[in-house]
N, C-alpha and C. Protein backbone atom coordinates (compact mmCIF):
# COMPACT_ATOMS: atom_id res chain seq x y z
N MET A 1 0.85 -1.35 -0.02
CA MET A 1 -0.08 -0.18 -0.28
C MET A 1 0.91 1.17 -0.09
N ASN A 2 0.60 2.01 -1.01
CA ASN A 2 1.42 3.43 -0.97
C ASN A 2 0.54 4.32 0.11
N SER A 3 1.27 4.58 1.05
CA SER A 3 0.47 5.11 2.23
C SER A 3 1.05 6.47 2.80
N GLY A 4 1.65 7.39 1.61
CA GLY A 4 2.01 8.57 2.01
C GLY A 4 1.02 9.70 2.38
N HIS A 5 -0.39 9.27 2.30
CA HIS A 5 -1.70 10.19 2.39
C HIS A 5 -1.95 9.64 3.96
N VAL A 6 -1.40 8.88 4.43
CA VAL A 6 -2.06 8.20 5.61
C VAL A 6 -1.52 8.58 6.75
N TYR A 7 -2.05 8.98 8.14
CA TYR A 7 -1.17 9.28 9.47
C TYR A 7 -1.86 8.54 10.28
N TRP A 8 -0.65 7.74 10.90
CA TRP A 8 -0.98 6.72 11.98
C TRP A 8 -1.22 7.23 13.26
N ILE A 9 -2.09 7.18 14.06
CA ILE A 9 -1.83 7.48 15.73
C ILE A 9 -1.88 6.36 16.34
N GLY A 10 -1.19 5.25 17.15
CA GLY A 10 -1.29 4.25 18.03
C GLY A 10 -1.32 4.84 19.52
N GLY A 11 -1.20 3.79 20.51
CA GLY A 11 -0.94 3.96 21.57
C GLY A 11 -1.48 3.32 22.55
N GLY A 12 -1.42 3.23 24.16
CA GLY A 12 -1.89 2.80 25.07
C GLY A 12 -3.34 2.93 25.42
N SER A 13 -4.76 2.30 25.69
CA SER A 13 -5.82 2.57 26.37
C SER A 13 -5.88 3.76 27.17
N GLY A 14 -6.54 4.45 26.70
CA GLY A 14 -7.06 5.82 27.50
C GLY A 14 -6.20 6.67 27.31
N ALA A 15 -5.27 6.65 26.23
CA ALA A 15 -4.31 7.96 26.09
C ALA A 15 -5.36 9.28 25.17
N GLY A 16 -6.17 9.23 24.93
CA GLY A 16 -6.74 10.17 24.03
C GLY A 16 -6.54 10.38 22.80
N LYS A 17 -6.33 8.95 21.94
CA LYS A 17 -6.11 8.98 20.37
C LYS A 17 -7.35 9.15 19.87
N SER A 18 -8.73 8.78 20.20
CA SER A 18 -9.65 9.04 19.57
C SER A 18 -9.87 10.52 19.38
N THR A 19 -9.83 11.24 20.50
CA THR A 19 -10.12 12.83 21.13
C THR A 19 -9.18 13.26 19.97
N ILE A 20 -7.82 13.06 19.93
CA ILE A 20 -6.52 13.59 19.44
C ILE A 20 -6.80 13.45 17.95
N ALA A 21 -7.21 12.83 17.36
CA ALA A 21 -7.37 12.08 16.13
C ALA A 21 -8.58 12.76 15.39
N ARG A 22 -9.83 12.78 16.02
CA ARG A 22 -10.72 13.57 15.27
C ARG A 22 -10.42 14.96 15.39
N ARG A 23 -10.08 15.72 16.31
CA ARG A 23 -9.29 17.27 16.43
C ARG A 23 -8.30 17.64 15.10
N LEU A 24 -7.42 16.50 15.00
CA LEU A 24 -6.59 17.14 13.61
C LEU A 24 -7.27 16.84 12.81
N ALA A 25 -8.02 15.49 12.66
CA ALA A 25 -9.34 15.49 11.04
C ALA A 25 -9.79 16.61 10.82
N ASP A 26 -10.40 16.87 11.43
CA ASP A 26 -11.42 18.56 11.57
C ASP A 26 -10.87 19.30 11.11
N ARG A 27 -9.48 19.75 12.06
CA ARG A 27 -8.64 20.84 11.49
C ARG A 27 -7.88 20.95 10.31
N HIS A 28 -7.20 19.66 10.04
CA HIS A 28 -6.40 19.62 8.27
C HIS A 28 -7.33 18.83 7.44
N GLY A 29 -8.55 18.58 7.78
CA GLY A 29 -9.59 18.52 6.12
C GLY A 29 -8.81 16.75 5.99
N LEU A 30 -8.75 16.15 6.87
CA LEU A 30 -8.52 14.57 6.56
C LEU A 30 -9.50 13.87 6.98
N ARG A 31 -9.71 12.81 6.36
CA ARG A 31 -10.79 11.71 6.99
C ARG A 31 -10.19 10.94 8.22
N LEU A 32 -10.97 10.12 9.17
CA LEU A 32 -10.63 9.70 10.27
C LEU A 32 -11.19 8.21 10.02
N TYR A 33 -10.45 7.37 10.38
CA TYR A 33 -10.27 6.04 10.27
C TYR A 33 -9.98 5.69 11.78
N SER A 34 -11.25 5.23 12.82
CA SER A 34 -11.34 4.17 14.11
C SER A 34 -11.20 3.10 13.83
N THR A 35 -9.98 2.53 14.28
CA THR A 35 -9.67 1.16 14.25
C THR A 35 -10.73 0.19 14.98
N ASP A 36 -10.76 0.92 16.40
CA ASP A 36 -12.05 0.54 17.37
C ASP A 36 -13.42 0.44 16.57
N ASP A 37 -13.88 1.22 15.64
CA ASP A 37 -14.96 1.43 15.37
C ASP A 37 -15.21 0.30 14.68
N ALA A 38 -13.81 -0.34 13.93
CA ALA A 38 -13.84 -1.42 12.64
C ALA A 38 -13.96 -2.76 13.41
N MET A 39 -13.73 -2.52 14.88
CA MET A 39 -13.59 -4.31 15.39
C MET A 39 -14.42 -5.06 15.17
N ALA A 40 -15.68 -5.07 15.05
CA ALA A 40 -17.00 -5.72 15.30
C ALA A 40 -16.96 -6.24 13.61
N ASP A 41 -16.86 -5.53 12.91
CA ASP A 41 -16.76 -5.70 11.55
C ASP A 41 -15.86 -6.73 11.05
N HIS A 42 -14.83 -6.56 11.84
CA HIS A 42 -13.36 -7.29 11.30
C HIS A 42 -13.47 -8.56 12.12
N GLY A 43 -14.27 -8.56 13.30
CA GLY A 43 -14.24 -9.77 13.82
C GLY A 43 -15.42 -10.81 13.25
N ARG A 44 -16.29 -10.14 12.48
CA ARG A 44 -17.00 -11.12 11.71
C ARG A 44 -16.69 -11.59 10.49
N ARG A 45 -15.47 -10.90 9.70
CA ARG A 45 -14.81 -11.09 8.53
C ARG A 45 -13.54 -11.86 8.41
N ILE A 46 -12.91 -11.91 9.94
CA ILE A 46 -11.78 -12.80 9.81
C ILE A 46 -11.97 -14.35 10.14
N THR A 47 -11.42 -15.15 9.51
CA THR A 47 -11.30 -16.57 9.57
C THR A 47 -10.56 -17.15 11.00
N PRO A 48 -11.32 -18.23 11.42
CA PRO A 48 -10.64 -18.83 12.39
C PRO A 48 -9.18 -18.98 12.18
N SER A 49 -8.86 -19.68 11.53
CA SER A 49 -7.42 -19.97 10.86
C SER A 49 -6.55 -18.90 10.91
N ASP A 50 -6.86 -17.62 10.61
CA ASP A 50 -6.36 -16.64 10.77
C ASP A 50 -6.48 -15.62 11.95
N ALA A 51 -7.14 -16.43 13.08
CA ALA A 51 -7.45 -15.67 14.45
C ALA A 51 -7.70 -16.42 15.40
N PRO A 52 -6.61 -17.49 15.71
CA PRO A 52 -6.93 -18.65 16.84
C PRO A 52 -6.84 -17.92 17.85
N PHE A 53 -6.39 -17.25 18.58
CA PHE A 53 -6.39 -16.19 19.95
C PHE A 53 -7.97 -15.24 20.03
N LEU A 54 -8.35 -15.07 18.80
CA LEU A 54 -9.68 -14.59 18.91
C LEU A 54 -10.81 -15.47 19.21
N SER A 55 -10.69 -16.41 18.35
CA SER A 55 -11.66 -17.88 18.74
C SER A 55 -11.21 -18.10 20.04
N GLU A 56 -10.16 -18.33 20.87
CA GLU A 56 -10.03 -18.49 22.11
C GLU A 56 -10.82 -17.72 22.83
N PHE A 57 -10.96 -16.40 22.59
CA PHE A 57 -11.38 -15.18 23.86
C PHE A 57 -12.64 -15.64 23.70
N VAL A 58 -13.17 -15.47 22.59
CA VAL A 58 -14.49 -15.55 22.41
C VAL A 58 -15.18 -16.96 22.98
N ALA A 59 -14.66 -18.09 23.10
CA ALA A 59 -15.04 -19.14 23.91
C ALA A 59 -14.96 -19.08 25.10
N MET A 60 -14.22 -17.59 26.06
CA MET A 60 -14.26 -17.66 27.12
C MET A 60 -15.26 -16.96 27.69
N ASP A 61 -15.66 -17.49 29.16
CA ASP A 61 -16.77 -16.23 29.98
C ASP A 61 -15.92 -15.11 30.74
N MET A 62 -16.62 -14.30 31.28
CA MET A 62 -15.80 -13.34 31.75
C MET A 62 -14.84 -13.32 32.72
N ASP A 63 -15.39 -14.24 33.70
CA ASP A 63 -14.19 -14.37 34.74
C ASP A 63 -12.88 -15.51 34.08
N GLU A 64 -12.86 -15.97 32.61
CA GLU A 64 -11.81 -16.57 32.46
C GLU A 64 -11.21 -15.63 31.38
N ARG A 65 -11.93 -14.62 31.02
CA ARG A 65 -10.82 -13.23 30.30
C ARG A 65 -10.10 -13.22 31.61
N TRP A 66 -10.67 -12.17 32.50
CA TRP A 66 -10.40 -11.13 33.35
C TRP A 66 -9.98 -11.31 34.68
N LEU A 67 -10.28 -12.80 35.12
CA LEU A 67 -9.87 -13.31 36.35
C LEU A 67 -9.00 -14.40 36.77
N ASN A 68 -9.10 -15.47 35.90
CA ASN A 68 -8.29 -16.70 35.93
C ASN A 68 -7.20 -16.66 35.57
N ARG A 69 -6.60 -15.53 34.56
CA ARG A 69 -5.10 -15.35 33.79
C ARG A 69 -4.48 -14.17 34.94
N SER A 70 -3.09 -14.52 34.62
CA SER A 70 -2.41 -13.29 34.78
C SER A 70 -2.31 -12.34 34.01
N PRO A 71 -2.29 -10.91 34.46
CA PRO A 71 -2.07 -9.86 33.39
C PRO A 71 -1.13 -10.16 32.24
N GLN A 72 -0.03 -10.88 32.81
CA GLN A 72 0.77 -11.16 31.67
C GLN A 72 0.42 -12.03 30.37
N THR A 73 -0.55 -13.11 31.20
CA THR A 73 -0.89 -13.96 30.03
C THR A 73 -2.16 -13.07 29.15
N MET A 74 -2.91 -12.22 29.58
CA MET A 74 -3.71 -11.54 29.33
C MET A 74 -2.98 -10.87 28.01
N LEU A 75 -1.94 -10.23 28.36
CA LEU A 75 -1.18 -9.52 27.46
C LEU A 75 -0.66 -10.06 26.11
N GLU A 76 -0.52 -11.41 26.51
CA GLU A 76 0.46 -12.54 25.56
C GLU A 76 -0.54 -12.92 24.81
N THR A 77 -2.08 -13.26 24.85
CA THR A 77 -2.99 -13.70 24.24
C THR A 77 -4.29 -13.24 23.72
N PHE A 78 -4.11 -11.69 23.94
CA PHE A 78 -5.29 -10.74 23.53
C PHE A 78 -5.02 -10.55 21.95
N HIS A 79 -6.15 -11.12 21.23
CA HIS A 79 -5.97 -10.90 19.80
C HIS A 79 -5.58 -9.90 19.14
N TRP A 80 -6.27 -8.72 19.37
CA TRP A 80 -5.84 -7.30 18.89
C TRP A 80 -4.30 -7.32 19.07
N PHE A 81 -3.63 -7.41 20.49
CA PHE A 81 -2.63 -7.19 20.62
C PHE A 81 -1.62 -8.28 19.74
N ARG A 82 -1.85 -9.18 19.24
CA ARG A 82 -1.31 -10.49 18.84
C ARG A 82 -1.38 -9.72 17.11
N GLY A 83 -1.97 -8.92 16.61
CA GLY A 83 -1.76 -8.07 15.38
C GLY A 83 -3.05 -8.89 14.74
N GLU A 84 -4.08 -9.87 15.28
CA GLU A 84 -4.78 -10.40 14.35
C GLU A 84 -6.00 -9.40 13.86
N GLY A 85 -6.28 -9.58 12.57
CA GLY A 85 -6.84 -8.50 11.99
C GLY A 85 -6.64 -7.42 11.20
N PHE A 86 -5.21 -7.03 11.53
CA PHE A 86 -4.51 -6.03 11.29
C PHE A 86 -4.67 -5.68 9.56
N GLY A 87 -4.53 -6.94 8.65
CA GLY A 87 -4.94 -7.16 7.43
C GLY A 87 -5.67 -6.71 7.10
N LEU A 88 -6.77 -6.84 7.89
CA LEU A 88 -7.94 -5.92 7.53
C LEU A 88 -7.94 -4.91 7.59
N ILE A 89 -7.59 -4.05 8.51
CA ILE A 89 -7.21 -2.54 8.59
C ILE A 89 -6.37 -1.92 7.15
N VAL A 90 -5.37 -2.64 6.80
CA VAL A 90 -5.14 -2.23 5.65
C VAL A 90 -6.11 -2.54 4.12
N ASP A 91 -6.80 -3.52 4.35
CA ASP A 91 -7.56 -3.78 3.08
C ASP A 91 -8.54 -2.55 3.11
N ASP A 92 -9.09 -2.11 4.31
CA ASP A 92 -10.14 -0.67 4.28
C ASP A 92 -9.51 0.36 3.73
N LEU A 93 -8.30 0.74 4.36
CA LEU A 93 -7.39 1.85 3.77
C LEU A 93 -7.15 1.99 2.32
N ARG A 94 -6.96 0.55 1.63
CA ARG A 94 -6.92 0.53 0.35
C ARG A 94 -7.97 0.74 -0.56
N ARG A 95 -9.07 0.79 -0.14
CA ARG A 95 -10.45 1.10 -0.34
C ARG A 95 -10.91 2.50 -0.40
N LEU A 96 -9.93 3.33 0.56
CA LEU A 96 -10.27 4.51 0.80
C LEU A 96 -9.95 5.55 -0.41
N ARG A 97 -10.46 6.90 -0.75
CA ARG A 97 -10.03 7.70 -1.49
C ARG A 97 -8.61 7.99 -1.03
N ARG A 98 -7.64 8.51 -1.63
CA ARG A 98 -6.33 8.69 -1.68
C ARG A 98 -6.16 10.14 -1.28
N GLU A 99 -7.04 10.93 -2.15
CA GLU A 99 -6.92 12.71 -2.13
C GLU A 99 -7.28 13.47 -1.10
N ALA A 100 -8.14 12.69 -0.18
CA ALA A 100 -8.15 13.30 0.94
C ALA A 100 -7.02 13.39 2.50
N GLY A 101 -6.46 12.09 2.03
CA GLY A 101 -5.70 11.79 3.42
C GLY A 101 -6.23 11.23 4.50
N VAL A 102 -5.84 10.65 5.35
CA VAL A 102 -6.78 10.05 6.36
C VAL A 102 -5.97 9.56 7.64
N ILE A 103 -6.44 10.13 8.81
CA ILE A 103 -5.74 9.68 10.12
C ILE A 103 -6.40 8.45 10.73
N VAL A 104 -5.61 7.54 10.94
CA VAL A 104 -6.06 5.94 11.23
C VAL A 104 -5.81 6.17 13.01
N GLU A 105 -6.52 5.38 13.87
CA GLU A 105 -6.13 5.51 14.69
C GLU A 105 -6.29 4.43 15.71
N GLY A 106 -6.12 4.13 16.78
CA GLY A 106 -6.41 3.19 17.54
C GLY A 106 -5.25 2.12 18.44
N PHE A 107 -5.41 1.43 19.27
CA PHE A 107 -4.43 0.88 20.01
C PHE A 107 -4.08 -0.63 18.93
N ARG A 108 -4.80 -0.60 18.16
CA ARG A 108 -4.36 -2.14 17.43
C ARG A 108 -3.43 -1.82 16.24
N LEU A 109 -2.77 -0.33 16.17
CA LEU A 109 -1.51 -0.13 15.46
C LEU A 109 -0.17 -0.31 16.23
N LEU A 110 -0.11 -1.37 15.85
CA LEU A 110 1.22 -1.95 16.51
C LEU A 110 2.28 -1.65 15.93
N PRO A 111 3.36 -0.85 16.22
CA PRO A 111 4.41 -0.42 15.57
C PRO A 111 5.19 -1.55 14.68
N ASP A 112 5.45 -2.59 14.97
CA ASP A 112 6.04 -3.50 13.92
C ASP A 112 5.31 -3.89 12.86
N LEU A 113 3.85 -3.58 12.77
CA LEU A 113 2.95 -3.89 11.72
C LEU A 113 2.61 -2.66 10.91
N VAL A 114 2.86 -1.56 11.56
CA VAL A 114 2.88 -0.21 10.87
C VAL A 114 3.91 0.06 10.20
N THR A 115 5.03 -0.07 10.52
CA THR A 115 6.11 0.22 9.90
C THR A 115 6.36 -0.28 8.24
N PRO A 116 5.97 -1.22 8.09
CA PRO A 116 6.18 -1.54 6.52
C PRO A 116 5.32 -0.59 5.66
N HIS A 117 4.54 0.08 6.01
CA HIS A 117 3.53 0.88 5.73
C HIS A 117 3.85 2.29 5.49
N LEU A 118 4.97 2.58 6.43
CA LEU A 118 5.36 4.18 6.52
C LEU A 118 6.09 4.35 5.38
N THR A 119 5.80 6.01 4.92
CA THR A 119 6.80 6.44 3.93
C THR A 119 7.80 7.29 4.63
N GLY A 120 7.52 7.54 5.65
CA GLY A 120 8.48 8.41 6.60
C GLY A 120 8.00 8.14 8.23
N ALA A 121 9.20 8.50 9.17
CA ALA A 121 9.17 8.41 10.43
C ALA A 121 7.72 9.26 10.84
N ASP A 122 7.75 10.27 9.79
CA ASP A 122 6.91 11.62 10.51
C ASP A 122 5.47 11.37 10.15
N HIS A 123 4.91 10.43 9.67
CA HIS A 123 3.82 9.79 9.54
C HIS A 123 3.06 8.78 10.79
N ALA A 124 3.82 8.78 11.86
CA ALA A 124 3.30 7.92 12.64
C ALA A 124 3.56 8.35 14.19
N VAL A 125 3.00 8.22 15.07
CA VAL A 125 3.18 8.64 16.35
C VAL A 125 2.26 7.67 17.48
N TRP A 126 3.07 7.20 18.47
CA TRP A 126 2.38 6.58 19.66
C TRP A 126 1.94 7.15 21.23
N LEU A 127 0.95 7.50 21.67
CA LEU A 127 0.83 7.93 22.92
C LEU A 127 0.77 6.63 23.87
N LEU A 128 1.64 7.33 24.70
CA LEU A 128 1.97 6.45 26.00
C LEU A 128 1.30 6.63 27.23
N PRO A 129 0.35 6.77 27.55
CA PRO A 129 -0.40 7.03 29.00
C PRO A 129 0.30 6.21 30.23
N THR A 130 0.44 7.37 31.12
CA THR A 130 1.14 6.85 32.14
C THR A 130 -0.09 6.09 33.29
N PRO A 131 -0.02 5.14 34.10
CA PRO A 131 -0.92 4.61 34.41
C PRO A 131 -1.99 5.34 35.32
N GLU A 132 -1.22 6.56 36.09
CA GLU A 132 -2.26 7.83 36.63
C GLU A 132 -3.12 8.32 35.73
N PHE A 133 -2.80 8.21 34.27
CA PHE A 133 -3.33 9.13 33.03
C PHE A 133 -4.27 8.22 33.08
N ARG A 134 -4.36 7.17 32.73
CA ARG A 134 -5.31 5.82 32.09
C ARG A 134 -6.12 5.69 32.81
N ARG A 135 -5.81 5.87 34.42
CA ARG A 135 -7.05 5.80 35.34
C ARG A 135 -8.17 6.74 35.32
N ALA A 136 -7.26 7.95 35.36
CA ALA A 136 -8.24 9.22 35.64
C ALA A 136 -8.90 9.25 33.98
N ALA A 137 -8.38 8.92 33.16
CA ALA A 137 -9.56 8.95 31.79
C ALA A 137 -10.49 8.18 31.53
N PHE A 138 -10.48 6.66 31.99
CA PHE A 138 -11.46 5.84 32.41
C PHE A 138 -12.69 6.11 33.18
N GLU A 139 -11.90 6.95 34.61
CA GLU A 139 -12.71 7.36 35.29
C GLU A 139 -13.79 8.49 34.90
N SER A 140 -13.18 9.73 34.31
CA SER A 140 -13.83 10.70 33.65
C SER A 140 -14.96 10.35 32.62
N ARG A 141 -14.51 9.27 31.83
CA ARG A 141 -15.63 8.89 30.75
C ARG A 141 -16.51 8.08 31.67
N GLY A 142 -16.44 7.72 32.56
CA GLY A 142 -17.45 6.57 33.49
C GLY A 142 -17.17 4.84 33.05
N SER A 143 -16.24 4.69 32.65
CA SER A 143 -15.83 3.57 31.81
C SER A 143 -15.38 2.70 32.81
N LEU A 144 -14.91 2.95 33.92
CA LEU A 144 -13.78 2.39 34.61
C LEU A 144 -14.02 0.88 34.66
N ARG A 145 -15.07 0.62 35.51
CA ARG A 145 -15.60 -0.53 35.54
C ARG A 145 -16.29 -1.41 34.59
N GLN A 146 -16.44 -1.21 33.76
CA GLN A 146 -17.54 -1.47 32.54
C GLN A 146 -17.30 -2.80 32.11
N ILE A 147 -16.16 -3.14 31.93
CA ILE A 147 -15.41 -4.53 31.92
C ILE A 147 -15.40 -5.19 33.05
N ALA A 148 -14.69 -5.29 34.16
CA ALA A 148 -14.14 -5.66 35.14
C ALA A 148 -15.59 -5.70 35.74
N GLY A 149 -16.52 -4.91 35.81
CA GLY A 149 -18.04 -5.27 36.45
C GLY A 149 -19.13 -6.45 36.03
N LYS A 150 -18.36 -6.92 35.11
CA LYS A 150 -19.70 -7.87 34.83
C LYS A 150 -18.62 -9.53 35.20
N THR A 151 -17.66 -9.66 36.00
CA THR A 151 -17.08 -10.60 36.51
C THR A 151 -17.43 -10.91 37.81
N SER A 152 -17.03 -11.83 38.46
CA SER A 152 -17.58 -12.32 39.87
C SER A 152 -16.74 -11.21 40.90
N ASP A 153 -15.76 -10.99 40.27
CA ASP A 153 -14.69 -9.75 41.49
C ASP A 153 -13.87 -8.62 40.81
N PRO A 154 -14.87 -7.81 40.65
CA PRO A 154 -14.72 -6.45 39.58
C PRO A 154 -13.40 -5.97 40.27
N ASP A 155 -13.21 -5.82 41.34
CA ASP A 155 -11.82 -5.17 42.09
C ASP A 155 -10.63 -5.86 41.46
N ARG A 156 -10.73 -7.21 41.28
CA ARG A 156 -9.51 -8.06 41.26
C ARG A 156 -9.45 -7.89 39.69
N ALA A 157 -10.23 -7.91 38.89
CA ALA A 157 -10.58 -8.09 37.43
C ALA A 157 -10.15 -6.53 36.95
N LEU A 158 -10.69 -5.60 37.81
CA LEU A 158 -10.01 -3.78 37.29
C LEU A 158 -8.41 -4.05 37.77
N ARG A 159 -7.97 -4.35 38.52
CA ARG A 159 -6.39 -4.49 38.83
C ARG A 159 -5.77 -5.33 37.64
N ASN A 160 -6.29 -6.41 37.45
CA ASN A 160 -5.85 -7.26 36.04
C ASN A 160 -5.75 -6.57 34.69
N LEU A 161 -7.10 -5.67 34.63
CA LEU A 161 -6.93 -5.33 33.81
C LEU A 161 -6.14 -3.94 33.41
N LEU A 162 -5.86 -2.94 34.33
CA LEU A 162 -4.98 -2.23 34.26
C LEU A 162 -3.61 -2.25 34.13
N GLU A 163 -3.53 -3.55 34.68
CA GLU A 163 -1.80 -3.97 34.82
C GLU A 163 -1.55 -4.56 33.60
N ARG A 164 -2.77 -5.26 32.79
CA ARG A 164 -2.43 -5.68 31.23
C ARG A 164 -2.45 -4.44 30.46
N ASP A 165 -2.98 -3.39 30.81
CA ASP A 165 -2.72 -2.57 29.56
C ASP A 165 -1.43 -1.65 29.76
N ARG A 166 -0.90 -1.76 31.17
CA ARG A 166 -0.13 -0.79 31.53
C ARG A 166 1.46 -1.72 30.82
N LEU A 167 1.37 -2.67 31.20
CA LEU A 167 2.46 -4.13 30.18
C LEU A 167 2.53 -3.58 28.71
N PHE A 168 1.14 -3.25 27.95
CA PHE A 168 1.07 -3.43 26.71
C PHE A 168 1.91 -1.85 26.13
N THR A 169 1.79 -0.52 27.21
CA THR A 169 1.69 0.48 26.64
C THR A 169 3.71 0.44 26.95
N GLU A 170 4.27 -0.67 27.78
CA GLU A 170 5.80 -0.73 28.02
C GLU A 170 6.20 -1.70 27.03
N ARG A 171 5.41 -2.62 26.44
CA ARG A 171 5.67 -3.28 24.89
C ARG A 171 5.91 -1.86 23.94
N LEU A 172 4.84 -1.14 23.75
CA LEU A 172 5.01 0.13 22.69
C LEU A 172 5.95 0.99 22.75
N ARG A 173 6.52 1.20 23.99
CA ARG A 173 7.40 2.01 24.52
C ARG A 173 8.74 1.60 24.11
N GLU A 174 8.66 0.02 24.10
CA GLU A 174 10.01 -0.54 23.75
C GLU A 174 9.79 -0.62 22.09
N GLN A 175 9.04 -1.18 21.44
CA GLN A 175 9.05 -1.26 19.96
C GLN A 175 9.19 -0.05 19.27
N THR A 176 8.83 1.29 19.53
CA THR A 176 9.09 2.40 19.29
C THR A 176 10.55 2.51 19.32
N ARG A 177 10.57 2.49 20.55
CA ARG A 177 12.47 3.00 20.85
C ARG A 177 12.88 2.21 19.69
N ARG A 178 13.04 0.96 19.29
CA ARG A 178 13.96 -0.29 18.95
C ARG A 178 13.84 0.42 17.34
N LEU A 179 12.39 0.95 17.18
CA LEU A 179 12.31 0.86 15.58
C LEU A 179 12.18 2.50 15.21
N GLY A 180 13.10 3.20 15.77
CA GLY A 180 13.14 4.30 15.55
C GLY A 180 11.83 5.65 15.51
N LEU A 181 10.57 5.13 16.02
CA LEU A 181 9.66 5.84 15.76
C LEU A 181 9.32 6.96 16.95
N ARG A 182 8.06 7.86 16.58
CA ARG A 182 8.22 8.80 17.61
C ARG A 182 7.00 8.19 18.74
N ALA A 183 7.12 8.55 19.99
CA ALA A 183 6.30 8.49 20.75
C ALA A 183 6.52 9.31 21.80
N ILE A 184 4.93 9.58 22.01
CA ILE A 184 4.63 10.75 23.03
C ILE A 184 4.12 10.48 24.81
N PRO A 185 4.82 10.69 25.61
CA PRO A 185 4.27 10.30 26.97
C PRO A 185 3.10 10.98 27.26
N VAL A 186 2.33 10.42 27.77
CA VAL A 186 1.02 11.47 28.30
C VAL A 186 0.79 11.31 29.64
N GLU A 187 0.73 12.47 29.92
CA GLU A 187 0.97 12.54 31.93
C GLU A 187 -0.57 13.55 32.15
N VAL A 188 -0.74 13.18 33.39
CA VAL A 188 -2.02 13.77 34.14
C VAL A 188 -2.09 15.13 33.96
N ALA A 189 -0.85 15.98 33.81
CA ALA A 189 -1.21 17.19 33.67
C ALA A 189 -1.18 18.11 32.36
N MET A 190 -1.27 17.35 31.46
CA MET A 190 -0.85 17.41 30.21
C MET A 190 -2.56 17.87 29.38
N THR A 191 -2.55 19.04 29.12
CA THR A 191 -3.59 19.03 28.67
C THR A 191 -4.28 18.83 27.20
N ARG A 192 -5.52 18.64 26.79
CA ARG A 192 -5.55 18.23 25.48
C ARG A 192 -5.18 19.17 24.18
N ASP A 193 -4.84 20.63 24.51
CA ASP A 193 -4.53 21.56 23.52
C ASP A 193 -2.73 21.08 23.45
N GLU A 194 -2.39 20.82 24.33
CA GLU A 194 -0.72 20.52 24.29
C GLU A 194 -0.42 19.12 23.69
N LEU A 195 -1.45 18.16 24.06
CA LEU A 195 -1.41 16.96 23.35
C LEU A 195 -1.67 16.89 21.85
N ALA A 196 -2.61 17.63 21.77
CA ALA A 196 -2.76 17.78 20.30
C ALA A 196 -1.42 18.41 19.26
N GLY A 197 -1.03 19.75 19.83
CA GLY A 197 -0.14 20.07 19.34
C GLY A 197 1.28 19.50 19.01
N GLN A 198 1.45 18.48 20.14
CA GLN A 198 2.61 17.80 20.32
C GLN A 198 2.53 16.57 19.03
N VAL A 199 1.00 16.07 19.14
CA VAL A 199 1.08 14.86 17.95
C VAL A 199 0.89 15.65 16.72
N ALA A 200 0.48 16.73 16.19
CA ALA A 200 0.60 17.45 15.09
C ALA A 200 1.54 17.99 14.22
N GLU A 201 2.53 18.16 15.23
CA GLU A 201 3.85 18.38 15.40
C GLU A 201 4.62 17.24 14.80
N ALA A 202 4.50 16.08 15.66
CA ALA A 202 5.20 14.87 15.38
C ALA A 202 4.46 13.99 13.89
N LEU A 203 3.33 14.55 13.34
CA LEU A 203 3.47 13.95 12.25
C LEU A 203 3.59 15.34 10.77
N GLY A 204 3.88 16.21 11.12
CA GLY A 204 4.03 17.49 10.60
C GLY A 204 2.96 17.73 9.48
N LEU A 205 1.51 17.80 10.81
CA LEU A 205 0.51 18.46 10.24
C LEU A 205 0.25 19.67 10.07
N TRP A 206 1.18 20.85 9.04
CA TRP A 206 1.04 22.09 9.07
C TRP A 206 1.54 22.51 7.75
N ASP A 207 1.01 23.47 7.55
CA ASP A 207 1.13 23.89 5.88
C ASP A 207 1.49 25.41 6.06
N ARG A 208 3.05 25.79 5.86
CA ARG A 208 3.23 27.48 5.99
C ARG A 208 2.52 28.20 4.61
N THR A 209 1.72 27.85 4.17
CA THR A 209 1.18 28.50 2.77
C THR A 209 -0.32 28.76 3.14
N GLY A 210 -0.90 27.99 4.13
CA GLY A 210 -2.33 28.20 4.51
C GLY A 210 -3.58 27.28 4.12
N GLY A 211 -2.91 26.30 3.50
CA GLY A 211 -3.83 25.14 3.38
C GLY A 211 -4.08 24.12 4.18
N THR A 212 -4.69 23.28 4.17
CA THR A 212 -4.98 21.94 4.97
C THR A 212 -4.08 21.18 4.67
N ALA A 213 -3.90 20.20 5.63
CA ALA A 213 -2.92 19.23 5.06
C ALA A 213 -3.45 18.03 4.12
N ALA A 214 -4.55 18.21 4.06
CA ALA A 214 -5.38 17.24 3.09
C ALA A 214 -4.63 18.43 1.45
N GLU A 215 -4.96 19.30 1.28
CA GLU A 215 -4.85 20.28 0.24
C GLU A 215 -3.13 20.03 -0.35
N LEU A 216 -2.45 20.04 0.86
CA LEU A 216 -1.24 20.28 0.66
C LEU A 216 -0.62 18.62 -0.05
N ALA A 217 -1.11 17.58 0.45
CA ALA A 217 -1.10 16.24 0.43
C ALA A 217 -1.13 16.07 -1.22
N ARG A 218 -2.39 16.79 -1.63
CA ARG A 218 -2.92 16.73 -3.23
C ARG A 218 -1.71 17.20 -4.08
N ARG A 219 -1.51 18.59 -3.68
CA ARG A 219 -0.59 19.19 -4.65
C ARG A 219 0.92 18.44 -4.75
N ARG A 220 1.17 17.82 -3.45
CA ARG A 220 2.28 16.67 -3.76
C ARG A 220 2.33 15.44 -4.27
N HIS A 221 1.40 15.31 -4.79
CA HIS A 221 0.81 14.10 -5.36
C HIS A 221 1.05 13.25 -4.87
N ILE A 222 0.75 13.00 -3.20
CA ILE A 222 1.02 11.69 -2.66
C ILE A 222 -0.16 10.73 -2.48
């Protein structure tokens, strides 16, 4: 896929990816593609042979998913963290019109999988929330116990989930460092405006001639 028109925003859960991506898409005239919104469709389209971890996950009850396994095991066996279905993201992007440009966002954008589709390091960034920021973000959304509350021990399930997500964020930190990709730590004291500015800078989303990023991309024939 020739993806010079695609900007990728990945990162840990609760980092503000969707909010920042939506803001930048609106500001720069880009299309928004949310990998979270595509998950249900991708779950239906993917075959069991291509998604063994998804098949195992679907067969589990809530306690098996979030109580009876360690956070490390949850990390290693979670289908989206294993990259299952990433090819469907790429297929979706190929079908989009290239002229307008697109921001792709979501935790499913693993650095190892995104790298082959980059035209340059300035087309991707990963947001790495601290545990404190993640918990505060979930509390503000009212979703802190949304999953854990469906188990027989919500408190322990919540601890497992938060630890799994912390481990995932650390994995993203290691991968972006190894691959020389841009990552932005997201802390409680950081405002949305500050984060949006850092992401825009990382992605080179400015045009000194006054046009939108999409117009600039068209003029460059990207």
